Amino acid sequence: MSCEDGPEFSGAIMANTGRYNSAKAENEIIAVAKQMVKENKDIGTILLECTELSPHAVAVQHAVRKPV
């Protein structure tokens, strides 16, 4: 599972359409982060390496209770 699997992220952001639904993208990103933490209990920190993800860092941090 990755952010690129989400319809908003892959369909609007990665396709560079010029606009995207921020709330939908944020939900997709949070879902990926939660799944990642669930599958990897030893994760201590999450690094968002795509600049399109950084606006959602605080929401991810609150969702997974890990430093982002």
Protein backbone atom coordinates (compact mmCIF):
# COMPACT_ATOMS: atom_id res chain seq x y z
CA MET A 1 0.00 0.00 0.00
CA SER A 2 1.31 3.44 -0.91
CA CYS A 3 -0.08 6.90 -1.46
CA GLU A 4 0.17 6.27 -5.18
CA ASP A 5 -2.56 3.62 -4.80
CA GLY A 6 -5.13 6.23 -3.73
CA PRO A 7 -7.40 7.64 -6.43
CA GLU A 8 -7.04 11.27 -5.36
CA PHE A 9 -3.28 11.11 -4.95
CA SER A 10 -2.57 9.21 -8.15
CA GLY A 11 -5.41 10.65 -10.20
CA ALA A 12 -5.03 14.33 -9.38
CA ILE A 13 -1.71 14.98 -7.68
CA MET A 14 0.60 12.64 -9.57
CA ALA A 15 -1.21 13.33 -12.84
CA ASN A 16 -0.49 17.03 -12.22
CA THR A 17 -4.01 18.17 -13.07
CA GLY A 18 -3.52 21.46 -11.26
CA ARG A 19 -6.11 20.81 -8.56
CA TYR A 20 -7.04 18.16 -6.07
CA ASN A 21 -9.37 17.60 -3.15
CA SER A 22 -7.18 18.18 -0.11
CA ALA A 23 -9.51 16.38 2.32
CA LYS A 24 -9.69 13.27 0.14
CA ALA A 25 -5.93 13.22 -0.36
CA GLU A 26 -5.34 13.68 3.36
CA ASN A 27 -7.63 10.74 4.16
CA GLU A 28 -5.71 8.57 1.69
CA ILE A 29 -2.35 9.60 3.17
CA ILE A 30 -3.54 8.96 6.73
CA ALA A 31 -4.86 5.53 5.74
CA VAL A 32 -1.47 4.60 4.30
CA ALA A 33 0.35 5.84 7.40
CA LYS A 34 -1.98 3.93 9.73
CA GLN A 35 -1.55 0.74 7.74
CA MET A 36 2.23 1.19 7.70
CA VAL A 37 2.37 1.65 11.48
CA LYS A 38 0.02 -1.30 12.02
CA GLU A 39 2.20 -3.59 9.90
CA ASN A 40 5.51 -2.31 11.31
CA LYS A 41 5.26 -1.94 15.09
CA ASP A 42 8.87 -0.75 15.37
CA ILE A 43 8.35 2.47 13.36
CA GLY A 44 9.50 5.40 15.46
CA THR A 45 9.23 8.24 12.95
CA ILE A 46 7.59 8.81 9.59
CA LEU A 47 9.40 10.71 6.86
CA LEU A 48 7.24 12.25 4.15
CA GLU A 49 9.61 12.39 1.21
CA CYS A 50 7.23 13.84 -1.37
CA THR A 51 6.61 17.60 -1.22
CA GLU A 52 2.94 16.96 -1.98
CA LEU A 53 2.64 15.14 1.37
CA SER A 54 4.09 17.81 3.67
CA PRO A 55 0.88 19.88 3.99
CA HIS A 56 -0.68 16.82 5.63
CA ALA A 57 2.14 16.10 8.10
CA VAL A 58 0.31 17.38 11.19
CA ALA A 59 -2.80 15.34 10.40
CA VAL A 60 -0.68 12.22 9.89
CA GLN A 61 1.17 12.86 13.14
CA HIS A 62 -2.10 13.13 15.07
CA ALA A 63 -3.52 10.03 13.38
CA VAL A 64 -0.60 7.71 14.08
CA ARG A 65 0.81 9.36 17.19
CA LYS A 66 4.35 9.30 15.84
CA PRO A 67 6.72 12.12 14.92
CA VAL A 68 6.42 13.10 11.27
